[in-house]
Amino acid sequence: MQAEIAQRQQGIRGEQIVGQMLEGLRSLGCKIYHDIAEDEYNIDHVIIGPQGIFAVETKTPSKPTKGQSAVIFDGKTVTVGGFPPDPDPVIQAKAAARRIREILREMTGKEPQVTPVILYVKWFVKPYTSDTGIIVMNQDYFYKSFDALQSPDILNTDQVNFLAAGLERYLREKRK
């Protein structure tokens, strides 16, 4: 019980760290959304900006006292400290991106590309160079390299505002 409480508190702290970091992207013209609750899961964060649309999953696993303390993504799977995490974060991130794309299609009639992102809070993440359509890194590197993650100005201001308005309408309707 105590371990479960500590694990939940660690997860909450990780969400707060990433949420605060993402708020800094507003200065780049991004719209940021946190904790989008769906029926049986939640989408941690969504970014809609000139750089594109990103569905962000935050992970805050405990670091091992011994052994490897790195996250490795080989283009298909993630290992954390040498072990595959459960549940599979790649499946979660892709599902979140797919759901955001569905919401935007439903609310705007557009079906934009949504890039799945997995951020490991305060972990070293070994870089993977091949384009797999999914981004796996730590929160600091993501923030520092955000402008270079996609082609610049993939979405213009009107498109950002239109897509953001669609997501906001969906969120308002869900609250009713």
C-alpha atoms as a PDB file:
ATOM      1  CA  MET A   1       0.000   0.000   0.000  1.00  0.00           C
ATOM      2  CA  GLN A   2       2.766   2.450   0.987  1.00  0.00           C
ATOM      3  CA  ALA A   3       4.716   1.646  -2.205  1.00  0.00           C
ATOM      4  CA  GLU A   4       1.602   2.249  -4.313  1.00  0.00           C
ATOM      5  CA  ILE A   5       1.029   5.644  -2.677  1.00  0.00           C
ATOM      6  CA  ALA A   6       4.664   6.635  -3.251  1.00  0.00           C
ATOM      7  CA  GLN A   7       4.412   5.522  -6.877  1.00  0.00           C
ATOM      8  CA  ARG A   8       1.253   7.592  -7.422  1.00  0.00           C
ATOM      9  CA  GLN A   9       2.857  10.641  -5.798  1.00  0.00           C
ATOM     10  CA  GLN A  10       5.897  10.224  -8.052  1.00  0.00           C
ATOM     11  CA  GLY A  11       3.591  10.056 -11.082  1.00  0.00           C
ATOM     12  CA  ILE A  12       1.766  13.210  -9.993  1.00  0.00           C
ATOM     13  CA  ARG A  13       5.081  15.046  -9.556  1.00  0.00           C
ATOM     14  CA  GLY A  14       6.148  13.911 -13.032  1.00  0.00           C
ATOM     15  CA  GLU A  15       2.884  15.172 -14.534  1.00  0.00           C
ATOM     16  CA  GLN A  16       3.393  18.533 -12.824  1.00  0.00           C
ATOM     17  CA  ILE A  17       6.983  18.833 -14.082  1.00  0.00           C
ATOM     18  CA  VAL A  18       5.953  18.079 -17.666  1.00  0.00           C
ATOM     19  CA  GLY A  19       2.832  20.253 -17.457  1.00  0.00           C
ATOM     20  CA  GLN A  20       4.838  23.260 -16.274  1.00  0.00           C
ATOM     21  CA  MET A  21       7.473  22.678 -18.944  1.00  0.00           C
ATOM     22  CA  LEU A  22       4.834  22.448 -21.683  1.00  0.00           C
ATOM     23  CA  GLU A  23       3.276  25.727 -20.548  1.00  0.00           C
ATOM     24  CA  GLY A  24       6.521  27.372 -21.701  1.00  0.00           C
ATOM     25  CA  LEU A  25       5.666  26.367 -25.276  1.00  0.00           C
ATOM     26  CA  ARG A  26       2.798  28.872 -25.322  1.00  0.00           C
ATOM     27  CA  SER A  27       5.401  31.539 -26.171  1.00  0.00           C
ATOM     28  CA  LEU A  28       5.990  29.653 -29.450  1.00  0.00           C
ATOM     29  CA  GLY A  29       2.308  29.967 -30.394  1.00  0.00           C
ATOM     30  CA  CYS A  30       1.267  26.582 -29.003  1.00  0.00           C
ATOM     31  CA  LYS A  31      -2.029  25.674 -27.355  1.00  0.00           C
ATOM     32  CA  ILE A  32      -1.528  23.261 -24.463  1.00  0.00           C
ATOM     33  CA  TYR A  33      -4.117  20.882 -22.959  1.00  0.00           C
ATOM     34  CA  HIS A  34      -3.649  18.700 -19.893  1.00  0.00           C
ATOM     35  CA  ASP A  35      -5.298  15.522 -18.657  1.00  0.00           C
ATOM     36  CA  ILE A  36      -7.953  14.795 -21.263  1.00  0.00           C
ATOM     37  CA  ALA A  37     -10.152  12.146 -19.661  1.00  0.00           C
ATOM     38  CA  GLU A  38     -11.593   9.471 -21.896  1.00  0.00           C
ATOM     39  CA  ASP A  39     -13.803   6.580 -20.781  1.00  0.00           C
ATOM     40  CA  GLU A  40     -11.134   4.158 -19.569  1.00  0.00           C
ATOM     41  CA  TYR A  41      -7.920   6.182 -19.795  1.00  0.00           C
ATOM     42  CA  ASN A  42      -6.589   9.700 -20.048  1.00  0.00           C
ATOM     43  CA  ILE A  43      -4.360  11.541 -22.464  1.00  0.00           C
ATOM     44  CA  ASP A  44      -1.734  13.299 -20.379  1.00  0.00           C
ATOM     45  CA  HIS A  45      -1.067  16.342 -22.588  1.00  0.00           C
ATOM     46  CA  VAL A  46      -1.808  17.655 -26.079  1.00  0.00           C
ATOM     47  CA  ILE A  47       0.134  20.335 -27.919  1.00  0.00           C
ATOM     48  CA  ILE A  48      -1.317  22.101 -30.962  1.00  0.00           C
ATOM     49  CA  GLY A  49       1.129  24.562 -32.467  1.00  0.00           C
ATOM     50  CA  PRO A  50       2.956  25.713 -35.574  1.00  0.00           C
ATOM     51  CA  GLN A  51       5.277  22.698 -35.146  1.00  0.00           C
ATOM     52  CA  GLY A  52       2.361  20.249 -35.383  1.00  0.00           C
ATOM     53  CA  ILE A  53       0.104  18.319 -33.034  1.00  0.00           C
ATOM     54  CA  PHE A  54       1.523  16.096 -30.309  1.00  0.00           C
ATOM     55  CA  ALA A  55      -0.141  13.657 -27.903  1.00  0.00           C
ATOM     56  CA  VAL A  56       2.193  13.406 -24.902  1.00  0.00           C
ATOM     57  CA  GLU A  57       2.393  10.497 -22.477  1.00  0.00           C
ATOM     58  CA  THR A  58       4.365  11.200 -19.302  1.00  0.00           C
ATOM     59  CA  LYS A  59       6.276   8.400 -17.597  1.00  0.00           C
ATOM     60  CA  THR A  60       7.961   8.661 -14.207  1.00  0.00           C
ATOM     61  CA  PRO A  61       9.281   5.222 -13.282  1.00  0.00           C
ATOM     62  CA  SER A  62      11.543   4.806 -10.267  1.00  0.00           C
ATOM     63  CA  LYS A  63      15.208   4.455 -11.048  1.00  0.00           C
ATOM     64  CA  PRO A  64      16.886   1.202 -10.030  1.00  0.00           C
ATOM     65  CA  THR A  65      19.315   1.221  -7.124  1.00  0.00           C
ATOM     66  CA  LYS A  66      21.661  -0.966  -9.194  1.00  0.00           C
ATOM     67  CA  GLY A  67      22.157  -1.630 -12.872  1.00  0.00           C
ATOM     68  CA  GLN A  68      21.206   0.296 -15.970  1.00  0.00           C
ATOM     69  CA  SER A  69      19.486   3.621 -15.421  1.00  0.00           C
ATOM     70  CA  ALA A  70      18.530   4.527 -18.977  1.00  0.00           C
ATOM     71  CA  VAL A  71      15.547   4.426 -21.296  1.00  0.00           C
ATOM     72  CA  ILE A  72      16.249   2.845 -24.658  1.00  0.00           C
ATOM     73  CA  PHE A  73      13.894   3.054 -27.627  1.00  0.00           C
ATOM     74  CA  ASP A  74      14.855   0.869 -30.592  1.00  0.00           C
ATOM     75  CA  GLY A  75      12.203   2.198 -32.936  1.00  0.00           C
ATOM     76  CA  LYS A  76       9.567  -0.304 -31.839  1.00  0.00           C
ATOM     77  CA  THR A  77       9.881  -0.982 -28.134  1.00  0.00           C
ATOM     78  CA  VAL A  78      11.048   0.801 -25.003  1.00  0.00           C
ATOM     79  CA  THR A  79      13.144  -0.657 -22.224  1.00  0.00           C
ATOM     80  CA  VAL A  80      13.482   1.135 -18.904  1.00  0.00           C
ATOM     81  CA  GLY A  81      16.466   0.160 -16.787  1.00  0.00           C
ATOM     82  CA  GLY A  82      16.902  -2.862 -19.029  1.00  0.00           C
ATOM     83  CA  PHE A  83      13.306  -4.101 -18.730  1.00  0.00           C
ATOM     84  CA  PRO A  84      10.183  -3.622 -20.853  1.00  0.00           C
ATOM     85  CA  PRO A  85       7.617  -1.504 -18.968  1.00  0.00           C
ATOM     86  CA  ASP A  86       4.066  -2.652 -18.413  1.00  0.00           C
ATOM     87  CA  PRO A  87       1.797  -1.362 -19.832  1.00  0.00           C
ATOM     88  CA  ASP A  88       3.545  -0.752 -23.139  1.00  0.00           C
ATOM     89  CA  PRO A  89       4.077   3.028 -23.466  1.00  0.00           C
ATOM     90  CA  VAL A  90       4.410   2.855 -27.268  1.00  0.00           C
ATOM     91  CA  ILE A  91       0.918   1.370 -27.549  1.00  0.00           C
ATOM     92  CA  GLN A  92      -0.416   3.993 -25.095  1.00  0.00           C
ATOM     93  CA  ALA A  93       1.171   6.919 -26.963  1.00  0.00           C
ATOM     94  CA  LYS A  94      -0.026   5.702 -30.364  1.00  0.00           C
ATOM     95  CA  ALA A  95      -3.539   5.189 -29.000  1.00  0.00           C
ATOM     96  CA  ALA A  96      -3.546   8.712 -27.535  1.00  0.00           C
ATOM     97  CA  ALA A  97      -2.425  10.195 -30.864  1.00  0.00           C
ATOM     98  CA  ARG A  98      -5.071   8.177 -32.732  1.00  0.00           C
ATOM     99  CA  ARG A  99      -7.786   9.374 -30.332  1.00  0.00           C
ATOM    100  CA  ILE A 100      -6.785  13.041 -30.677  1.00  0.00           C
ATOM    101  CA  ARG A 101      -6.841  12.653 -34.476  1.00  0.00           C
ATOM    102  CA  GLU A 102     -10.361  11.128 -34.211  1.00  0.00           C
ATOM    103  CA  ILE A 103     -11.555  13.971 -31.973  1.00  0.00           C
ATOM    104  CA  LEU A 104     -10.188  16.594 -34.346  1.00  0.00           C
ATOM    105  CA  ARG A 105     -11.765  14.842 -37.329  1.00  0.00           C
ATOM    106  CA  GLU A 106     -15.123  14.704 -35.538  1.00  0.00           C
ATOM    107  CA  MET A 107     -14.991  18.326 -34.361  1.00  0.00           C
ATOM    108  CA  THR A 108     -13.348  20.034 -37.364  1.00  0.00           C
ATOM    109  CA  GLY A 109     -13.747  17.776 -40.374  1.00  0.00           C
ATOM    110  CA  LYS A 110      -9.924  17.748 -40.693  1.00  0.00           C
ATOM    111  CA  GLU A 111      -7.704  14.763 -40.006  1.00  0.00           C
ATOM    112  CA  PRO A 112      -4.277  16.168 -39.180  1.00  0.00           C
ATOM    113  CA  GLN A 113      -1.208  14.158 -38.322  1.00  0.00           C
ATOM    114  CA  VAL A 114      -0.783  13.744 -34.557  1.00  0.00           C
ATOM    115  CA  THR A 115       2.658  12.706 -33.364  1.00  0.00           C
ATOM    116  CA  PRO A 116       2.805  10.386 -30.331  1.00  0.00           C
ATOM    117  CA  VAL A 117       5.349  11.444 -27.684  1.00  0.00           C
ATOM    118  CA  ILE A 118       6.608   9.605 -24.603  1.00  0.00           C
ATOM    119  CA  LEU A 119       8.484  11.734 -22.079  1.00  0.00           C
ATOM    120  CA  TYR A 120      10.493  10.038 -19.336  1.00  0.00           C
ATOM    121  CA  VAL A 121      10.846  12.509 -16.488  1.00  0.00           C
ATOM    122  CA  LYS A 122      14.418  12.882 -15.197  1.00  0.00           C
ATOM    123  CA  TRP A 123      15.717   9.811 -17.035  1.00  0.00           C
ATOM    124  CA  PHE A 124      18.535   9.553 -19.545  1.00  0.00           C
ATOM    125  CA  VAL A 125      16.932   8.512 -22.823  1.00  0.00           C
ATOM    126  CA  LYS A 126      19.265   7.045 -25.418  1.00  0.00           C
ATOM    127  CA  PRO A 127      18.610   8.899 -28.688  1.00  0.00           C
ATOM    128  CA  TYR A 128      17.146   6.957 -31.600  1.00  0.00           C
ATOM    129  CA  THR A 129      17.812   8.520 -34.983  1.00  0.00           C
ATOM    130  CA  SER A 130      15.532   6.752 -37.457  1.00  0.00           C
ATOM    131  CA  ASP A 131      12.112   8.307 -38.085  1.00  0.00           C
ATOM    132  CA  THR A 132       9.559   6.006 -36.502  1.00  0.00           C
ATOM    133  CA  GLY A 133       6.731   8.523 -36.182  1.00  0.00           C
ATOM    134  CA  ILE A 134       7.021   8.459 -32.387  1.00  0.00           C
ATOM    135  CA  ILE A 135       9.169  10.641 -30.152  1.00  0.00           C
ATOM    136  CA  VAL A 136      10.754   9.178 -27.014  1.00  0.00           C
ATOM    137  CA  MET A 137      12.941  11.472 -24.865  1.00  0.00           C
ATOM    138  CA  ASN A 138      13.179  13.176 -21.515  1.00  0.00           C
ATOM    139  CA  GLN A 139      11.281  16.366 -20.751  1.00  0.00           C
ATOM    140  CA  ASP A 140      14.295  18.675 -20.833  1.00  0.00           C
ATOM    141  CA  TYR A 141      15.532  17.523 -24.242  1.00  0.00           C
ATOM    142  CA  PHE A 142      11.994  17.671 -25.638  1.00  0.00           C
ATOM    143  CA  TYR A 143      11.622  21.285 -24.509  1.00  0.00           C
ATOM    144  CA  LYS A 144      15.036  22.357 -25.786  1.00  0.00           C
ATOM    145  CA  SER A 145      14.575  20.697 -29.180  1.00  0.00           C
ATOM    146  CA  PHE A 146      10.841  21.323 -29.645  1.00  0.00           C
ATOM    147  CA  ASP A 147      11.233  23.873 -32.431  1.00  0.00           C
ATOM    148  CA  ALA A 148      13.285  21.383 -34.460  1.00  0.00           C
ATOM    149  CA  LEU A 149      11.038  18.323 -33.961  1.00  0.00           C
ATOM    150  CA  GLN A 150       8.907  18.994 -37.034  1.00  0.00           C
ATOM    151  CA  SER A 151       9.220  21.129 -40.110  1.00  0.00           C
ATOM    152  CA  PRO A 152       8.871  24.746 -39.056  1.00  0.00           C
ATOM    153  CA  ASP A 153       5.421  26.218 -39.415  1.00  0.00           C
ATOM    154  CA  ILE A 154       3.710  22.962 -40.339  1.00  0.00           C
ATOM    155  CA  LEU A 155       0.492  24.705 -39.203  1.00  0.00           C
ATOM    156  CA  ASN A 156      -0.225  28.401 -39.639  1.00  0.00           C
ATOM    157  CA  THR A 157      -1.866  30.480 -36.907  1.00  0.00           C
ATOM    158  CA  ASP A 158      -5.353  30.090 -38.380  1.00  0.00           C
ATOM    159  CA  GLN A 159      -4.967  26.301 -38.532  1.00  0.00           C
ATOM    160  CA  VAL A 160      -3.672  26.160 -34.950  1.00  0.00           C
ATOM    161  CA  ASN A 161      -6.613  28.239 -33.740  1.00  0.00           C
ATOM    162  CA  PHE A 162      -9.151  26.229 -35.783  1.00  0.00           C
ATOM    163  CA  LEU A 163      -7.894  22.852 -34.525  1.00  0.00           C
ATOM    164  CA  ALA A 164      -7.582  24.130 -30.948  1.00  0.00           C
ATOM    165  CA  ALA A 165     -11.163  25.451 -31.093  1.00  0.00           C
ATOM    166  CA  GLY A 166     -12.307  21.997 -32.196  1.00  0.00           C
ATOM    167  CA  LEU A 167     -10.562  20.305 -29.280  1.00  0.00           C
ATOM    168  CA  GLU A 168     -11.908  22.921 -26.864  1.00  0.00           C
ATOM    169  CA  ARG A 169     -15.460  22.373 -28.152  1.00  0.00           C
ATOM    170  CA  TYR A 170     -15.043  18.626 -27.597  1.00  0.00           C
ATOM    171  CA  LEU A 171     -13.806  19.231 -24.034  1.00  0.00           C
ATOM    172  CA  ARG A 172     -16.746  21.548 -23.263  1.00  0.00           C
ATOM    173  CA  GLU A 173     -19.262  19.044 -24.634  1.00  0.00           C
ATOM    174  CA  LYS A 174     -17.719  16.245 -22.533  1.00  0.00           C
ATOM    175  CA  ARG A 175     -18.235  18.292 -19.355  1.00  0.00           C
ATOM    176  CA  LYS A 176     -21.979  18.622 -19.999  1.00  0.00           C
END
